[in-house]
Protein backbone atom coordinates (compact mmCIF):
# COMPACT_ATOMS: atom_id res chain seq x y z
CA MET A 1 0.00 0.00 0.00
CA ASP A 2 1.86 3.10 -1.25
CA MET A 3 -0.72 5.73 -0.33
CA LEU A 4 -3.37 5.73 2.39
CA GLY A 5 -6.50 7.74 1.75
CA VAL A 6 -7.23 9.66 4.94
CA GLY A 7 -10.48 11.02 6.33
CA ILE A 8 -11.15 13.02 9.48
CA ILE A 9 -14.14 12.77 11.80
CA GLY A 10 -14.33 15.87 13.96
CA CYS A 11 -13.74 19.32 12.46
CA GLY A 12 -13.09 21.30 15.62
CA ASN A 13 -10.11 23.38 16.66
CA ILE A 14 -7.42 20.67 16.38
CA SER A 15 -8.44 19.55 12.89
CA GLY A 16 -6.79 22.60 11.35
CA ALA A 17 -3.35 21.48 12.57
CA TYR A 18 -3.76 17.97 11.13
CA LEU A 19 -4.97 19.31 7.79
CA ARG A 20 -2.21 21.93 7.50
CA LEU A 21 0.57 19.49 8.33
CA SER A 22 -0.57 16.40 6.42
CA PRO A 23 1.05 17.50 3.10
CA LEU A 24 4.48 17.25 4.76
CA PHE A 25 4.30 13.46 4.99
CA LYS A 26 4.64 10.57 2.57
CA GLY A 27 2.11 7.79 2.31
CA LEU A 28 -0.90 9.93 3.26
CA GLU A 29 -3.46 11.83 1.22
CA MET A 30 -6.25 13.77 2.93
CA ARG A 31 -9.46 13.23 1.01
CA ALA A 32 -12.54 13.97 3.12
CA VAL A 33 -13.79 15.33 6.43
CA ALA A 34 -16.97 14.79 8.42
CA ASP A 35 -18.60 16.15 11.55
CA LEU A 36 -21.94 15.94 13.34
CA ASN A 37 -22.11 19.66 12.51
CA ALA A 38 -22.34 19.57 8.71
CA ASP A 39 -21.53 23.28 8.48
CA ALA A 40 -18.23 22.72 10.31
CA ALA A 41 -17.34 19.90 7.90
CA ARG A 42 -18.18 22.01 4.86
CA ALA A 43 -16.10 24.93 6.18
CA ARG A 44 -13.02 22.74 6.75
CA ALA A 45 -13.49 21.04 3.39
CA ALA A 46 -13.65 24.37 1.60
CA GLU A 47 -10.60 25.67 3.49
CA PHE A 48 -8.41 22.73 2.46
CA GLY A 49 -9.94 21.68 -0.86
CA LEU A 50 -11.41 18.40 0.40
CA ARG A 51 -14.72 16.58 0.25
CA ALA A 52 -17.27 17.09 3.04
CA ASP A 53 -19.07 13.82 3.85
CA SER A 54 -21.60 12.78 6.41
CA ILE A 55 -20.07 10.53 9.06
CA ASP A 56 -21.84 7.46 7.63
CA ALA A 57 -20.65 8.31 4.12
CA LEU A 58 -17.07 8.74 5.27
CA LEU A 59 -17.14 5.41 7.10
CA ALA A 60 -18.38 3.74 3.92
CA ALA A 61 -16.14 5.59 1.45
CA ASP A 62 -14.07 3.30 -0.78
CA ASP A 63 -11.25 5.84 -1.15
CA ILE A 64 -10.65 6.12 2.62
CA ASP A 65 -8.23 3.66 4.24
CA VAL A 66 -7.67 5.31 7.62
CA ILE A 67 -9.80 7.72 9.61
CA VAL A 68 -8.45 10.19 12.14
CA ASN A 69 -10.74 10.55 15.16
CA LEU A 70 -10.70 14.18 16.32
CA THR A 71 -13.95 14.13 18.29
CA ASN A 72 -14.05 15.07 21.98
CA PRO A 73 -12.62 12.51 24.44
CA ALA A 74 -15.98 11.16 25.57
CA ALA A 75 -16.70 10.08 21.98
CA HIS A 76 -13.27 8.61 21.17
CA PHE A 77 -14.15 5.01 21.97
CA ALA A 78 -17.46 4.86 20.11
CA VAL A 79 -16.12 6.63 17.02
CA THR A 80 -12.94 4.52 16.85
CA ARG A 81 -15.06 1.38 17.24
CA ASP A 82 -17.24 2.55 14.33
CA ILE A 83 -14.11 3.14 12.23
CA LEU A 84 -12.83 -0.38 12.87
CA ASN A 85 -16.24 -1.90 12.24
CA ALA A 86 -16.22 -0.09 8.88
CA GLY A 87 -13.02 -1.99 8.01
CA LYS A 88 -10.68 1.02 8.23
CA HIS A 89 -7.54 1.72 10.22
CA ALA A 90 -8.02 4.23 13.05
CA TYR A 91 -5.85 6.97 14.48
CA SER A 92 -7.23 8.86 17.49
CA GLU A 93 -6.45 12.10 19.22
CA LYS A 94 -5.47 11.66 22.86
CA PRO A 95 -6.57 10.15 25.10
CA LEU A 96 -7.31 6.99 23.10
CA VAL A 97 -10.17 5.98 25.43
CA LEU A 98 -11.36 6.77 28.95
CA THR A 99 -11.40 3.24 30.41
CA LEU A 100 -9.29 0.10 30.10
CA ALA A 101 -12.34 -1.94 29.13
CA GLU A 102 -12.88 0.32 26.12
CA GLY A 103 -9.24 -0.05 25.12
CA GLU A 104 -9.36 -3.83 25.36
CA GLU A 105 -12.47 -3.91 23.18
CA LEU A 106 -10.69 -1.86 20.53
CA ARG A 107 -7.62 -4.09 20.76
CA ASN A 108 -9.69 -7.23 20.24
CA LEU A 109 -11.71 -5.70 17.41
CA ALA A 110 -8.60 -4.46 15.59
CA ALA A 111 -6.90 -7.85 15.94
CA ALA A 112 -9.96 -9.71 14.66
CA ARG A 113 -10.17 -7.46 11.60
CA GLY A 114 -6.46 -7.16 10.91
CA LEU A 115 -6.49 -3.37 11.36
CA ARG A 116 -4.20 -0.84 13.02
CA VAL A 117 -5.07 1.54 15.84
CA GLY A 118 -2.77 4.47 16.53
CA SER A 119 -3.09 7.36 18.91
CA ALA A 120 -1.65 10.76 19.67
CA PRO A 121 0.46 12.14 21.16
CA ASP A 122 3.27 11.77 18.66
CA THR A 123 5.30 14.70 19.95
CA PHE A 124 7.74 12.28 21.62
CA LEU A 125 8.96 11.54 18.07
CA GLY A 126 10.39 15.06 17.92
CA GLY A 127 14.08 15.84 17.69
CA ALA A 128 14.47 17.01 21.30
CA HIS A 129 12.79 14.00 22.87
CA GLN A 130 14.59 11.54 20.62
CA ALA A 131 17.91 13.17 21.50
CA ALA A 132 17.01 12.76 25.17
CA ARG A 133 16.14 9.10 24.54
CA ALA A 134 19.49 8.48 22.81
CA ALA A 135 21.39 10.16 25.64
CA LEU A 136 19.61 8.09 28.27
CA ASP A 137 20.13 4.87 26.32
CA ALA A 138 23.82 5.72 26.06
CA GLY A 139 24.01 6.11 29.85
CA GLN A 140 24.96 9.79 29.83
CA ILE A 141 23.34 10.43 33.24
CA GLY A 142 23.47 6.86 34.50
CA LYS A 143 20.49 5.02 35.96
CA VAL A 144 17.53 7.38 36.40
CA VAL A 145 16.31 7.23 39.98
CA SER A 146 13.91 10.17 40.17
CA GLY A 147 12.56 13.21 38.38
CA THR A 148 9.83 15.83 38.08
CA ALA A 149 7.33 16.95 35.47
CA HIS A 150 5.06 19.98 35.65
CA VAL A 151 2.35 21.30 33.34
CA MET A 152 0.57 24.23 34.97
CA SER A 153 -1.56 27.12 33.76
CA HIS A 154 -4.97 28.64 34.39
CA GLY A 155 -6.72 26.54 31.76
CA MET A 156 -8.07 27.43 28.38
CA GLU A 157 -11.48 28.95 29.04
CA ALA A 158 -9.96 32.37 28.32
CA TRP A 159 -9.21 31.55 24.66
CA HIS A 160 -10.95 28.34 23.54
CA PRO A 161 -14.31 29.01 21.84
CA ASN A 162 -15.95 25.86 23.28
CA PRO A 163 -14.01 24.81 26.40
CA ASP A 164 -16.88 22.93 28.10
CA PHE A 165 -15.53 19.39 27.68
CA PHE A 166 -12.15 20.32 29.17
CA PHE A 167 -13.82 20.68 32.58
CA LEU A 168 -16.04 17.59 32.49
CA PRO A 169 -15.20 13.95 33.29
CA GLY A 170 -12.87 12.80 30.53
CA GLY A 171 -11.21 16.21 30.51
CA GLY A 172 -9.15 18.07 33.09
CA PRO A 173 -5.42 18.75 32.92
CA MET A 174 -4.45 15.11 33.51
CA LEU A 175 -6.38 13.61 30.60
CA ASP A 176 -5.88 16.61 28.31
CA LEU A 177 -2.20 17.49 28.87
CA GLY A 178 -1.01 14.50 30.86
CA PRO A 179 -0.74 12.28 27.76
CA TYR A 180 2.19 14.36 26.43
CA TYR A 181 4.15 14.06 29.65
CA ILE A 182 3.29 10.48 30.52
CA THR A 183 3.87 9.16 27.00
CA ASN A 184 7.24 10.87 26.85
CA LEU A 185 8.19 9.46 30.25
CA ILE A 186 7.23 5.97 29.09
CA GLN A 187 9.30 6.24 25.91
CA LEU A 188 12.25 7.47 28.01
CA LEU A 189 11.97 5.23 31.09
CA GLY A 190 9.63 2.36 30.21
CA PRO A 191 6.31 1.35 31.78
CA VAL A 192 4.82 2.49 35.09
CA ALA A 193 4.17 -0.01 37.89
CA HIS A 194 2.10 1.97 40.42
CA VAL A 195 0.86 5.47 41.24
CA CYS A 196 -0.53 7.53 44.11
CA ALA A 197 -1.98 11.04 44.02
CA LEU A 198 -3.71 14.01 45.60
CA THR A 199 -6.37 15.75 43.52
CA SER A 200 -8.56 18.82 43.96
CA MET A 201 -10.90 21.18 42.12
CA GLY A 202 -10.06 24.87 42.43
CA GLN A 203 -13.43 26.22 41.24
CA THR A 204 -16.86 24.77 40.54
CA SER A 205 -17.37 26.95 37.44
CA ARG A 206 -15.38 28.82 34.79
CA THR A 207 -16.22 31.87 32.63
CA ILE A 208 -15.56 31.76 28.88
CA GLY A 209 -13.38 34.66 27.77
CA SER A 210 -13.63 34.48 23.97
CA ALA A 211 -16.30 35.16 21.36
CA PRO A 212 -18.96 34.14 20.58
CA ARG A 213 -19.72 32.82 24.11
CA ARG A 214 -17.77 35.40 26.11
CA GLY A 215 -19.15 35.73 29.64
CA GLU A 216 -20.97 32.38 29.64
CA THR A 217 -20.39 30.28 32.76
CA ILE A 218 -19.65 26.55 32.43
CA PRO A 219 -19.51 23.90 35.19
CA VAL A 220 -16.34 22.20 36.44
CA LYS A 221 -16.90 18.53 37.28
CA THR A 222 -13.40 17.03 37.23
CA PRO A 223 -10.21 17.68 39.25
CA THR A 224 -8.22 20.65 37.99
CA THR A 225 -5.13 20.16 40.16
CA LEU A 226 -3.42 16.77 40.45
CA HIS A 227 -0.13 15.92 42.15
CA ALA A 228 0.99 12.36 41.46
CA LEU A 229 3.88 10.02 42.20
CA LEU A 230 4.71 7.52 39.47
CA GLY A 231 6.72 4.43 40.32
CA PHE A 232 8.30 2.96 37.19
CA VAL A 233 9.16 -0.69 36.64
CA SER A 234 12.76 0.48 36.19
CA GLY A 235 12.78 1.76 39.77
CA ALA A 236 12.55 5.47 38.91
CA SER A 237 10.17 7.63 40.96
CA ILE A 238 8.72 10.66 39.16
CA THR A 239 6.65 13.51 40.58
CA LEU A 240 4.03 14.71 38.07
CA SER A 241 1.92 17.83 38.68
CA THR A 242 -0.84 18.97 36.32
CA SER A 243 -2.98 21.99 37.13
CA TRP A 244 -5.35 24.54 35.66
CA ASP A 245 -5.39 26.55 38.89
CA VAL A 246 -1.99 28.26 38.50
CA TRP A 247 -1.39 31.78 37.19
CA ALA A 248 2.43 31.57 37.19
CA HIS A 249 5.23 29.23 38.28
CA ARG A 250 8.97 28.59 37.84
CA HIS A 251 9.04 24.80 37.48
CA GLY A 252 10.81 23.22 34.53
CA HIS A 253 8.72 21.10 32.17
CA MET A 254 10.59 17.88 32.92
CA GLU A 255 13.77 16.94 34.77
CA LEU A 256 15.38 13.51 35.23
CA TYR A 257 17.97 12.75 37.90
CA GLY A 258 20.43 9.93 37.32
CA LEU A 259 23.25 8.45 39.37
CA ASP A 260 25.80 10.21 37.13
CA GLY A 261 24.04 13.46 36.22
CA SER A 262 20.78 15.21 35.43
CA MET A 263 18.74 15.96 32.33
CA PHE A 264 16.51 18.98 31.68
CA LEU A 265 13.88 18.48 28.97
CA PRO A 266 11.58 20.88 27.06
CA ASP A 267 7.78 20.89 26.82
CA PRO A 268 6.65 17.50 25.43
CA ASN A 269 3.62 19.22 23.89
CA TRP A 270 6.03 20.31 21.12
CA PHE A 271 8.50 18.37 19.01
CA SER A 272 11.67 20.23 19.90
CA GLY A 273 13.37 22.58 22.32
CA THR A 274 16.58 22.57 24.32
CA VAL A 275 17.71 19.39 26.10
CA GLU A 276 20.51 19.85 28.62
CA VAL A 277 22.52 17.23 30.52
CA THR A 278 25.03 17.39 33.33
CA ALA A 279 27.70 14.87 34.27
CA ARG A 280 27.80 14.68 38.07
CA ASP A 281 28.95 18.17 39.16
CA SER A 282 29.62 19.62 35.70
CA ALA A 283 27.73 22.55 34.19
CA PRO A 284 24.73 21.73 31.96
CA ARG A 285 25.45 21.32 28.25
CA ALA A 286 22.90 21.32 25.43
CA LEU A 287 22.47 18.22 23.30
CA ASP A 288 22.70 18.70 19.55
CA VAL A 289 19.28 18.11 18.00
CA GLY A 290 19.85 20.12 14.82
CA ASN A 291 20.13 17.20 12.39
CA HIS A 292 16.74 15.74 13.30
CA PRO A 293 14.09 16.93 10.81
CA PHE A 294 11.46 17.11 13.54
CA SER A 295 13.51 19.71 15.39
CA VAL A 296 13.24 22.32 12.62
CA PRO A 297 10.88 25.18 13.61
CA ASN A 298 7.85 25.46 11.32
CA HIS A 299 5.29 27.14 13.58
CA ASP A 300 5.06 30.57 15.18
CA LEU A 301 3.58 30.60 18.70
CA ASP A 302 3.07 34.21 19.72
CA GLY A 303 6.41 35.16 18.19
CA THR A 304 8.28 32.07 19.38
CA PRO A 305 9.35 29.57 16.70
CA LYS A 306 8.26 25.99 17.43
CA ALA A 307 8.62 22.62 15.72
CA ASN A 308 5.18 21.13 15.05
CA TYR A 309 4.94 17.86 13.13
CA ARG A 310 1.61 16.47 14.30
CA MET A 311 0.68 13.72 11.83
CA ALA A 312 4.15 12.16 12.27
CA GLY A 313 2.57 9.34 14.27
CA LEU A 314 0.06 8.63 11.53
CA ALA A 315 2.79 8.80 8.86
CA ASP A 316 4.83 6.29 10.85
CA MET A 317 1.75 4.05 11.08
CA ALA A 318 1.29 4.24 7.30
CA ALA A 319 4.94 3.29 6.79
CA ALA A 320 4.63 0.48 9.33
CA ILE A 321 1.64 -0.97 7.48
CA ALA A 322 3.63 -0.96 4.25
CA GLU A 323 6.74 -2.42 5.92
CA GLY A 324 4.97 -4.97 8.12
CA ARG A 325 6.37 -3.63 11.40
CA ASP A 326 4.95 -2.16 14.61
CA HIS A 327 4.09 1.52 14.52
CA ARG A 328 5.42 3.69 17.32
CA CYS A 329 2.19 5.40 18.44
CA ARG A 330 0.52 2.05 18.93
CA LEU A 331 -2.49 1.04 20.98
CA ASP A 332 -0.49 -0.66 23.77
CA LEU A 333 1.45 2.54 24.48
CA ALA A 334 -1.67 4.72 24.41
CA LEU A 335 -3.64 2.32 26.59
CA HIS A 336 -0.86 2.13 29.19
CA ALA A 337 -0.86 5.94 29.33
CA VAL A 338 -4.64 5.84 29.84
CA ASP A 339 -4.13 3.32 32.65
CA VAL A 340 -1.61 5.65 34.30
CA MET A 341 -3.90 8.69 34.05
CA THR A 342 -7.13 7.01 35.16
CA SER A 343 -5.25 5.32 38.01
CA ILE A 344 -3.98 8.73 39.15
CA LEU A 345 -7.56 10.03 39.18
CA ARG A 346 -8.71 6.97 41.12
CA ALA A 347 -5.79 7.21 43.56
CA GLY A 348 -6.75 10.81 44.26
CA GLU A 349 -10.34 9.82 44.95
CA GLU A 350 -9.50 6.82 47.13
CA GLY A 351 -6.30 7.98 48.81
CA THR A 352 -4.58 4.72 47.91
CA VAL A 353 -1.68 3.38 45.89
CA ILE A 354 -2.92 1.91 42.61
CA ARG A 355 -1.00 -0.86 40.85
CA LEU A 356 -1.45 -0.73 37.10
CA ASN A 357 -3.19 -3.44 35.11
CA THR A 358 -1.31 -2.83 31.86
CA THR A 359 2.24 -2.58 30.61
CA CYS A 360 3.94 -1.89 27.28
CA ALA A 361 7.29 -1.94 25.58
CA ARG A 362 9.06 1.33 24.88
CA PRO A 363 8.45 2.38 21.27
CA GLU A 364 11.41 2.09 18.93
CA PRO A 365 13.53 5.26 18.72
CA LEU A 366 13.01 7.50 15.68
CA GLY A 367 16.39 8.77 14.54
CA ALA A 368 17.04 11.51 12.03
CA THR A 369 17.28 9.17 9.03
CA ASP A 370 14.05 7.33 9.80
CA ALA A 371 12.26 10.61 10.50
CA ALA A 372 13.41 12.08 7.20
CA ALA A 373 12.06 9.02 5.41
CA LEU A 374 8.55 9.94 6.58
CA LEU A 375 8.69 13.35 4.90
CA ARG A 376 7.92 14.13 1.28
């Protein structure tokens, strides 16, 4: 299969990034979009020169081989199940599902039909995070024994036009932003064995700050501050804090502490940034990530250049189908991340240590040569 015909279900805010970036990658051709809101589908189709289908028509379309599920998290399971039942490969936005039972059903269905399921995030395939992986694998800081990860802000109700689902069960900072951090930690350190946590809700409502719903109040029904301890199978203990109740802070995005040094990593919500390592008591030095194609800035974020290659995970899945190998953003990895996140939420509710029910292998590294092979 040299070219996969791609469709999208869900034409909300994130769909624009997928549609803009898809022409960068080999093996993929965007052909159609669909949404419960037909006007939203027609608008995206017109913007990118694609076909606007109904959801049923897209599921049945002969020219579509894989469908990207960009619906809200509560709908991810049902829509991905429909995609597989239609005989098409599925690639989902994060989180893949909201329960382990849903993930197992998708795993069994995909296996029975001989289909692939992939899931965001794919940012860990970026040049910075792959350079960090290579440095860890080479033993540059020795055995990792502990670390920290922080993702903190005041949420997105100030700018997102429809932020409701972020503050409902299935949303919150852990399930929305946690996947970037947890997936990157898994690809760096391996699977998680157990977790414990404290969780809280700063406010019971939020006020939308952007048009057309500016001033409208929406309910908050999920924890908005979570402090967790992750115990990895490797023996590493990582503190992870996610919050939408913070106006400012001075924590680094991610730090790892090894027996022979430390590593300071950039935001795993993006593909690149500066990675620094120390050797015992030496000064930090930056790793060279310049030769990795997914470290090249191609996006302006309020005047700051960023590397954004969302769709890399789907492109790798397309290549894996053609080559008969495992894809890196595979179901087992995504489901283990879901297990970590839902166990953190449960640990916060129950005040207990939760031992995970799943595990996974670390995905294969994506070096510069293999990354370049995914690009047109």
